[in-house]
Amino acid sequence: MAIHQIPALTLPPQFGWAPDNLRIKQLEGQVSSLRTSVIYALNQMLDLKDLNTGVHSTRLAEWAMRVAQDLGFNHEDLPDMEVAALMHDIGKIGVPDAVLHKPSRLTEEEYAVIKKHPEYSWTVLRLLPGFEKASLFALHHHENFDGTGYPAKLANTEIPIGSRIVSVIDAFDAMVSSRPYRQGLPFDEGIRRLLASSGTQFDPEVVRCFIAIAEAEEVRSVFAAAGTGVKAAL
């Protein structure tokens, strides 16, 4: 039989849906792979802009997923949590280097520019299909629990839970991580400051959950890579 005469594969009636179903699965897999590639690409852009930001975001994603799971996140919402933790600072690409890397105190005008980065992050992420919820988590990660944050001055449970998680872990990692122009705080001082701002800047439930994770020995060891050794922290 010539090749062009090979008949199409036929399936029993009960499997008549299989080819279409398999095609849908293939397309879903391709979309998922594309989403992952986009996230990796954007994270690489963060590294090119500011290496500390890219590495910082990777740590955040690992911890945010653990906190979200302990707080009872629905399984289908976990990918949004991971994307938001990784990409919450993607908007810093829109902040001039002179402001982003300034070692001295920012002027009011410079601080106003920095405060725009959550909106820039939202602007980027919301345009990507499937990242709508993650974009909102990124938009509101600098809101304060008492309503004094930015950009929308949301308070309490008005703030998306994903944003509240990123807020706590973002602040803690920034405190204990060293930068070229400053030494990171000791681990226990970072914990103390989280507790001091619980209920004002941070969601108390998220703080409690994160501290339980952060005080685990395997998480403490991460701070050596962040520039704060375990011995210095204790």
C-alpha atoms as a PDB file:
ATOM      1  CA  MET A   1       0.000   0.000   0.000  1.00  0.00           C
ATOM      2  CA  ALA A   2       1.365   3.458  -0.920  1.00  0.00           C
ATOM      3  CA  ILE A   3       2.074   5.771   1.969  1.00  0.00           C
ATOM      4  CA  HIS A   4      -0.582   8.263   0.908  1.00  0.00           C
ATOM      5  CA  GLN A   5      -3.165   5.468   1.026  1.00  0.00           C
ATOM      6  CA  ILE A   6      -2.622   4.591   4.704  1.00  0.00           C
ATOM      7  CA  PRO A   7      -6.030   4.968   6.319  1.00  0.00           C
ATOM      8  CA  ALA A   8      -6.574   7.299   9.246  1.00  0.00           C
ATOM      9  CA  LEU A   9      -6.470   5.734  12.679  1.00  0.00           C
ATOM     10  CA  THR A  10      -9.917   4.693  13.828  1.00  0.00           C
ATOM     11  CA  LEU A  11     -10.934   4.195  17.427  1.00  0.00           C
ATOM     12  CA  PRO A  12     -13.872   2.381  18.995  1.00  0.00           C
ATOM     13  CA  PRO A  13     -16.923   4.626  19.500  1.00  0.00           C
ATOM     14  CA  GLN A  14     -16.291   4.962  23.223  1.00  0.00           C
ATOM     15  CA  PHE A  15     -12.915   6.558  22.419  1.00  0.00           C
ATOM     16  CA  GLY A  16     -14.165   8.840  19.674  1.00  0.00           C
ATOM     17  CA  TRP A  17     -13.319  11.917  21.756  1.00  0.00           C
ATOM     18  CA  ALA A  18      -9.701  10.925  22.351  1.00  0.00           C
ATOM     19  CA  PRO A  19      -7.914  12.752  19.491  1.00  0.00           C
ATOM     20  CA  ASP A  20      -9.545  16.102  20.331  1.00  0.00           C
ATOM     21  CA  ASN A  21      -8.926  15.561  24.035  1.00  0.00           C
ATOM     22  CA  LEU A  22      -5.275  14.752  23.441  1.00  0.00           C
ATOM     23  CA  ARG A  23      -4.928  17.837  21.264  1.00  0.00           C
ATOM     24  CA  ILE A  24      -6.386  19.985  24.024  1.00  0.00           C
ATOM     25  CA  LYS A  25      -3.924  18.473  26.494  1.00  0.00           C
ATOM     26  CA  GLN A  26      -1.070  19.203  24.118  1.00  0.00           C
ATOM     27  CA  LEU A  27      -2.169  22.819  23.753  1.00  0.00           C
ATOM     28  CA  GLU A  28      -2.519  23.193  27.514  1.00  0.00           C
ATOM     29  CA  GLY A  29       0.993  21.842  27.938  1.00  0.00           C
ATOM     30  CA  GLN A  30       2.344  24.266  25.338  1.00  0.00           C
ATOM     31  CA  VAL A  31       0.616  27.210  27.036  1.00  0.00           C
ATOM     32  CA  SER A  32       1.983  26.148  30.423  1.00  0.00           C
ATOM     33  CA  SER A  33       5.479  25.832  28.959  1.00  0.00           C
ATOM     34  CA  LEU A  34       5.184  29.275  27.377  1.00  0.00           C
ATOM     35  CA  ARG A  35       4.050  30.812  30.671  1.00  0.00           C
ATOM     36  CA  THR A  36       7.039  29.286  32.437  1.00  0.00           C
ATOM     37  CA  SER A  37       9.414  30.549  29.748  1.00  0.00           C
ATOM     38  CA  VAL A  38       8.004  34.068  30.011  1.00  0.00           C
ATOM     39  CA  ILE A  39       8.520  34.057  33.787  1.00  0.00           C
ATOM     40  CA  TYR A  40      12.102  32.844  33.425  1.00  0.00           C
ATOM     41  CA  ALA A  41      12.772  35.499  30.789  1.00  0.00           C
ATOM     42  CA  LEU A  42      11.367  38.299  32.937  1.00  0.00           C
ATOM     43  CA  ASN A  43      13.336  37.067  35.944  1.00  0.00           C
ATOM     44  CA  GLN A  44      16.494  37.155  33.832  1.00  0.00           C
ATOM     45  CA  MET A  45      15.643  40.756  32.935  1.00  0.00           C
ATOM     46  CA  LEU A  46      15.499  41.534  36.654  1.00  0.00           C
ATOM     47  CA  ASP A  47      18.926  39.985  37.106  1.00  0.00           C
ATOM     48  CA  LEU A  48      20.313  42.130  34.300  1.00  0.00           C
ATOM     49  CA  LYS A  49      18.796  45.236  35.863  1.00  0.00           C
ATOM     50  CA  ASP A  50      19.767  44.412  39.442  1.00  0.00           C
ATOM     51  CA  LEU A  51      21.237  41.044  40.452  1.00  0.00           C
ATOM     52  CA  ASN A  52      20.087  41.467  44.042  1.00  0.00           C
ATOM     53  CA  THR A  53      16.500  41.902  42.870  1.00  0.00           C
ATOM     54  CA  GLY A  54      16.469  38.726  40.781  1.00  0.00           C
ATOM     55  CA  VAL A  55      17.977  36.505  43.479  1.00  0.00           C
ATOM     56  CA  HIS A  56      15.754  38.171  46.085  1.00  0.00           C
ATOM     57  CA  SER A  57      12.653  37.323  44.039  1.00  0.00           C
ATOM     58  CA  THR A  58      13.688  33.672  43.718  1.00  0.00           C
ATOM     59  CA  ARG A  59      13.992  33.349  47.503  1.00  0.00           C
ATOM     60  CA  LEU A  60      10.639  35.067  47.936  1.00  0.00           C
ATOM     61  CA  ALA A  61       8.932  32.583  45.642  1.00  0.00           C
ATOM     62  CA  GLU A  62      10.176  29.607  47.658  1.00  0.00           C
ATOM     63  CA  TRP A  63       9.042  31.064  50.969  1.00  0.00           C
ATOM     64  CA  ALA A  64       5.786  32.484  49.648  1.00  0.00           C
ATOM     65  CA  MET A  65       4.703  29.079  48.396  1.00  0.00           C
ATOM     66  CA  ARG A  66       5.342  27.547  51.811  1.00  0.00           C
ATOM     67  CA  VAL A  67       3.430  30.298  53.601  1.00  0.00           C
ATOM     68  CA  ALA A  68       0.537  30.083  51.133  1.00  0.00           C
ATOM     69  CA  GLN A  69       0.291  26.322  51.591  1.00  0.00           C
ATOM     70  CA  ASP A  70       0.350  26.637  55.388  1.00  0.00           C
ATOM     71  CA  LEU A  71      -2.385  29.284  55.197  1.00  0.00           C
ATOM     72  CA  GLY A  72      -4.580  26.913  53.199  1.00  0.00           C
ATOM     73  CA  PHE A  73      -4.324  28.373  49.694  1.00  0.00           C
ATOM     74  CA  ASN A  74      -6.389  26.579  47.087  1.00  0.00           C
ATOM     75  CA  HIS A  75      -4.122  24.432  44.910  1.00  0.00           C
ATOM     76  CA  GLU A  76      -5.182  26.298  41.769  1.00  0.00           C
ATOM     77  CA  ASP A  77      -4.114  29.649  43.311  1.00  0.00           C
ATOM     78  CA  LEU A  78      -0.558  28.548  44.127  1.00  0.00           C
ATOM     79  CA  PRO A  79       0.825  29.318  40.627  1.00  0.00           C
ATOM     80  CA  ASP A  80      -0.439  32.914  40.969  1.00  0.00           C
ATOM     81  CA  MET A  81       1.331  33.157  44.316  1.00  0.00           C
ATOM     82  CA  GLU A  82       4.580  31.902  42.817  1.00  0.00           C
ATOM     83  CA  VAL A  83       4.395  34.267  39.837  1.00  0.00           C
ATOM     84  CA  ALA A  84       3.615  37.258  42.059  1.00  0.00           C
ATOM     85  CA  ALA A  85       6.522  36.493  44.376  1.00  0.00           C
ATOM     86  CA  LEU A  86       8.899  36.127  41.448  1.00  0.00           C
ATOM     87  CA  MET A  87       7.632  39.119  39.496  1.00  0.00           C
ATOM     88  CA  HIS A  88       6.517  41.611  42.161  1.00  0.00           C
ATOM     89  CA  ASP A  89       9.522  43.832  41.420  1.00  0.00           C
ATOM     90  CA  ILE A  90       9.513  43.541  37.611  1.00  0.00           C
ATOM     91  CA  GLY A  91       8.331  47.168  37.564  1.00  0.00           C
ATOM     92  CA  LYS A  92      11.742  48.269  38.848  1.00  0.00           C
ATOM     93  CA  ILE A  93      12.869  47.941  35.248  1.00  0.00           C
ATOM     94  CA  GLY A  94      11.042  51.246  34.772  1.00  0.00           C
ATOM     95  CA  VAL A  95      12.947  52.970  37.588  1.00  0.00           C
ATOM     96  CA  PRO A  96      16.116  54.866  36.569  1.00  0.00           C
ATOM     97  CA  ASP A  97      19.346  53.218  37.741  1.00  0.00           C
ATOM     98  CA  ALA A  98      20.438  56.441  39.413  1.00  0.00           C
ATOM     99  CA  VAL A  99      17.422  56.170  41.713  1.00  0.00           C
ATOM    100  CA  LEU A 100      17.318  52.387  42.071  1.00  0.00           C
ATOM    101  CA  HIS A 101      20.997  52.089  43.074  1.00  0.00           C
ATOM    102  CA  LYS A 102      21.376  55.317  45.005  1.00  0.00           C
ATOM    103  CA  PRO A 103      23.245  54.469  48.238  1.00  0.00           C
ATOM    104  CA  SER A 104      22.226  57.623  50.105  1.00  0.00           C
ATOM    105  CA  ARG A 105      18.801  58.751  51.255  1.00  0.00           C
ATOM    106  CA  LEU A 106      16.278  59.351  48.463  1.00  0.00           C
ATOM    107  CA  THR A 107      14.709  62.743  47.924  1.00  0.00           C
ATOM    108  CA  GLU A 108      10.918  63.036  48.022  1.00  0.00           C
ATOM    109  CA  GLU A 109      10.845  63.124  44.235  1.00  0.00           C
ATOM    110  CA  GLU A 110      13.041  60.019  43.960  1.00  0.00           C
ATOM    111  CA  TYR A 111      10.951  58.158  46.519  1.00  0.00           C
ATOM    112  CA  ALA A 112       7.831  59.007  44.507  1.00  0.00           C
ATOM    113  CA  VAL A 113       9.472  57.378  41.481  1.00  0.00           C
ATOM    114  CA  ILE A 114      10.354  54.232  43.469  1.00  0.00           C
ATOM    115  CA  LYS A 115       6.770  54.015  44.732  1.00  0.00           C
ATOM    116  CA  LYS A 116       5.586  53.651  41.139  1.00  0.00           C
ATOM    117  CA  HIS A 117       7.202  50.251  40.657  1.00  0.00           C
ATOM    118  CA  PRO A 118       4.210  48.158  41.881  1.00  0.00           C
ATOM    119  CA  GLU A 119       2.042  49.892  39.281  1.00  0.00           C
ATOM    120  CA  TYR A 120       4.665  49.233  36.633  1.00  0.00           C
ATOM    121  CA  SER A 121       4.714  45.559  37.673  1.00  0.00           C
ATOM    122  CA  TRP A 122       0.938  45.386  37.339  1.00  0.00           C
ATOM    123  CA  THR A 123       1.097  47.081  33.935  1.00  0.00           C
ATOM    124  CA  VAL A 124       3.460  44.393  32.648  1.00  0.00           C
ATOM    125  CA  LEU A 125       1.873  41.304  34.212  1.00  0.00           C
ATOM    126  CA  ARG A 126      -1.767  42.140  33.478  1.00  0.00           C
ATOM    127  CA  LEU A 127      -1.046  42.042  29.737  1.00  0.00           C
ATOM    128  CA  LEU A 128       0.025  38.390  29.926  1.00  0.00           C
ATOM    129  CA  PRO A 129      -2.865  35.903  29.610  1.00  0.00           C
ATOM    130  CA  GLY A 130      -3.373  33.975  32.834  1.00  0.00           C
ATOM    131  CA  PHE A 131      -1.423  36.414  35.014  1.00  0.00           C
ATOM    132  CA  GLU A 132      -4.337  38.679  35.961  1.00  0.00           C
ATOM    133  CA  LYS A 133      -4.543  37.598  39.613  1.00  0.00           C
ATOM    134  CA  ALA A 134      -0.767  37.544  39.984  1.00  0.00           C
ATOM    135  CA  SER A 135      -0.654  41.093  38.622  1.00  0.00           C
ATOM    136  CA  LEU A 136      -3.012  42.250  41.406  1.00  0.00           C
ATOM    137  CA  PHE A 137      -0.854  40.535  44.038  1.00  0.00           C
ATOM    138  CA  ALA A 138       2.141  42.442  42.655  1.00  0.00           C
ATOM    139  CA  LEU A 139       0.238  45.731  42.459  1.00  0.00           C
ATOM    140  CA  HIS A 140      -0.648  45.722  46.160  1.00  0.00           C
ATOM    141  CA  HIS A 141       2.476  44.255  47.776  1.00  0.00           C
ATOM    142  CA  HIS A 142       3.370  47.621  49.354  1.00  0.00           C
ATOM    143  CA  GLU A 143      -0.031  48.173  50.965  1.00  0.00           C
ATOM    144  CA  ASN A 144       0.077  48.316  54.779  1.00  0.00           C
ATOM    145  CA  PHE A 145      -2.305  46.351  56.970  1.00  0.00           C
ATOM    146  CA  ASP A 146      -3.453  49.582  58.651  1.00  0.00           C
ATOM    147  CA  GLY A 147      -4.205  51.317  55.340  1.00  0.00           C
ATOM    148  CA  THR A 148      -1.186  53.636  55.200  1.00  0.00           C
ATOM    149  CA  GLY A 149       0.604  51.932  52.290  1.00  0.00           C
ATOM    150  CA  TYR A 150       0.516  52.421  48.543  1.00  0.00           C
ATOM    151  CA  PRO A 151      -0.672  52.639  45.811  1.00  0.00           C
ATOM    152  CA  ALA A 152      -4.338  52.359  46.888  1.00  0.00           C
ATOM    153  CA  LYS A 153      -4.189  52.646  50.703  1.00  0.00           C
ATOM    154  CA  LEU A 154      -6.053  49.354  51.090  1.00  0.00           C
ATOM    155  CA  ALA A 155      -6.373  47.951  54.609  1.00  0.00           C
ATOM    156  CA  ASN A 156      -6.772  44.585  56.309  1.00  0.00           C
ATOM    157  CA  THR A 157      -8.532  42.012  54.117  1.00  0.00           C
ATOM    158  CA  GLU A 158      -9.060  44.576  51.355  1.00  0.00           C
ATOM    159  CA  ILE A 159      -5.462  43.722  50.497  1.00  0.00           C
ATOM    160  CA  PRO A 160      -5.261  40.495  48.483  1.00  0.00           C
ATOM    161  CA  ILE A 161      -3.834  37.663  50.590  1.00  0.00           C
ATOM    162  CA  GLY A 162      -1.088  37.079  48.024  1.00  0.00           C
ATOM    163  CA  SER A 163      -0.005  40.704  48.412  1.00  0.00           C
ATOM    164  CA  ARG A 164       0.031  40.387  52.201  1.00  0.00           C
ATOM    165  CA  ILE A 165       2.293  37.353  51.947  1.00  0.00           C
ATOM    166  CA  VAL A 166       4.711  39.048  49.557  1.00  0.00           C
ATOM    167  CA  SER A 167       4.758  42.155  51.778  1.00  0.00           C
ATOM    168  CA  VAL A 168       6.002  40.248  54.825  1.00  0.00           C
ATOM    169  CA  ILE A 169       8.603  38.122  53.058  1.00  0.00           C
ATOM    170  CA  ASP A 170       9.785  40.996  50.845  1.00  0.00           C
ATOM    171  CA  ALA A 171      10.415  43.218  53.866  1.00  0.00           C
ATOM    172  CA  PHE A 172      12.162  40.504  55.866  1.00  0.00           C
ATOM    173  CA  ASP A 173      14.463  39.473  53.031  1.00  0.00           C
ATOM    174  CA  ALA A 174      15.341  43.108  52.347  1.00  0.00           C
ATOM    175  CA  MET A 175      16.208  43.616  56.013  1.00  0.00           C
ATOM    176  CA  VAL A 176      18.531  40.625  56.408  1.00  0.00           C
ATOM    177  CA  SER A 177      20.179  40.730  52.978  1.00  0.00           C
ATOM    178  CA  SER A 178      23.421  42.629  52.499  1.00  0.00           C
ATOM    179  CA  ARG A 179      23.872  45.181  49.739  1.00  0.00           C
ATOM    180  CA  PRO A 180      27.057  46.810  48.407  1.00  0.00           C
ATOM    181  CA  TYR A 181      26.262  49.892  50.487  1.00  0.00           C
ATOM    182  CA  ARG A 182      25.064  48.249  53.730  1.00  0.00           C
ATOM    183  CA  GLN A 183      25.297  45.106  55.825  1.00  0.00           C
ATOM    184  CA  GLY A 184      22.148  43.074  56.324  1.00  0.00           C
ATOM    185  CA  LEU A 185      20.558  42.958  59.763  1.00  0.00           C
ATOM    186  CA  PRO A 186      21.008  39.872  61.955  1.00  0.00           C
ATOM    187  CA  PHE A 187      18.302  37.249  61.528  1.00  0.00           C
ATOM    188  CA  ASP A 188      16.806  37.774  65.003  1.00  0.00           C
ATOM    189  CA  GLU A 189      16.628  41.547  64.502  1.00  0.00           C
ATOM    190  CA  GLY A 190      14.680  40.993  61.296  1.00  0.00           C
ATOM    191  CA  ILE A 191      12.239  38.779  63.188  1.00  0.00           C
ATOM    192  CA  ARG A 192      11.922  41.393  65.938  1.00  0.00           C
ATOM    193  CA  ARG A 193      11.066  44.108  63.412  1.00  0.00           C
ATOM    194  CA  LEU A 194       8.428  41.936  61.746  1.00  0.00           C
ATOM    195  CA  LEU A 195       6.768  41.390  65.119  1.00  0.00           C
ATOM    196  CA  ALA A 196       7.006  45.103  65.962  1.00  0.00           C
ATOM    197  CA  SER A 197       5.145  45.990  62.755  1.00  0.00           C
ATOM    198  CA  SER A 198       2.607  43.166  62.962  1.00  0.00           C
ATOM    199  CA  GLY A 199      -0.885  44.641  62.787  1.00  0.00           C
ATOM    200  CA  THR A 200       0.298  47.968  61.365  1.00  0.00           C
ATOM    201  CA  GLN A 201       2.461  47.285  58.331  1.00  0.00           C
ATOM    202  CA  PHE A 202       1.932  43.521  58.198  1.00  0.00           C
ATOM    203  CA  ASP A 203      -0.877  40.984  58.492  1.00  0.00           C
ATOM    204  CA  PRO A 204      -0.384  39.331  61.922  1.00  0.00           C
ATOM    205  CA  GLU A 205      -1.456  35.905  60.653  1.00  0.00           C
ATOM    206  CA  VAL A 206       1.030  36.014  57.791  1.00  0.00           C
ATOM    207  CA  VAL A 207       3.786  37.190  60.160  1.00  0.00           C
ATOM    208  CA  ARG A 208       3.067  34.311  62.535  1.00  0.00           C
ATOM    209  CA  CYS A 209       3.089  31.766  59.736  1.00  0.00           C
ATOM    210  CA  PHE A 210       6.264  33.097  58.122  1.00  0.00           C
ATOM    211  CA  ILE A 211       8.218  33.276  61.377  1.00  0.00           C
ATOM    212  CA  ALA A 212       7.407  29.634  62.090  1.00  0.00           C
ATOM    213  CA  ILE A 213       8.930  28.765  58.704  1.00  0.00           C
ATOM    214  CA  ALA A 214      11.849  31.224  58.882  1.00  0.00           C
ATOM    215  CA  GLU A 215      12.988  29.941  62.268  1.00  0.00           C
ATOM    216  CA  ALA A 216      13.372  26.428  60.901  1.00  0.00           C
ATOM    217  CA  GLU A 217      17.074  25.584  60.663  1.00  0.00           C
ATOM    218  CA  GLU A 218      16.959  24.791  56.959  1.00  0.00           C
ATOM    219  CA  VAL A 219      15.605  28.271  56.179  1.00  0.00           C
ATOM    220  CA  ARG A 220      18.088  30.031  58.456  1.00  0.00           C
ATOM    221  CA  SER A 221      20.899  28.565  56.374  1.00  0.00           C
ATOM    222  CA  VAL A 222      19.634  30.440  53.305  1.00  0.00           C
ATOM    223  CA  PHE A 223      20.766  33.732  54.824  1.00  0.00           C
ATOM    224  CA  ALA A 224      24.405  32.792  54.392  1.00  0.00           C
ATOM    225  CA  ALA A 225      23.802  33.101  50.631  1.00  0.00           C
ATOM    226  CA  ALA A 226      21.909  36.347  51.209  1.00  0.00           C
ATOM    227  CA  GLY A 227      24.939  37.910  52.868  1.00  0.00           C
ATOM    228  CA  THR A 228      23.993  37.316  56.502  1.00  0.00           C
ATOM    229  CA  GLY A 229      25.722  34.288  57.951  1.00  0.00           C
ATOM    230  CA  VAL A 230      24.001  32.095  60.508  1.00  0.00           C
ATOM    231  CA  LYS A 231      26.635  32.855  63.164  1.00  0.00           C
ATOM    232  CA  ALA A 232      26.139  36.579  62.664  1.00  0.00           C
ATOM    233  CA  ALA A 233      22.400  36.128  62.946  1.00  0.00           C
ATOM    234  CA  LEU A 234      22.436  34.267  66.253  1.00  0.00           C
END
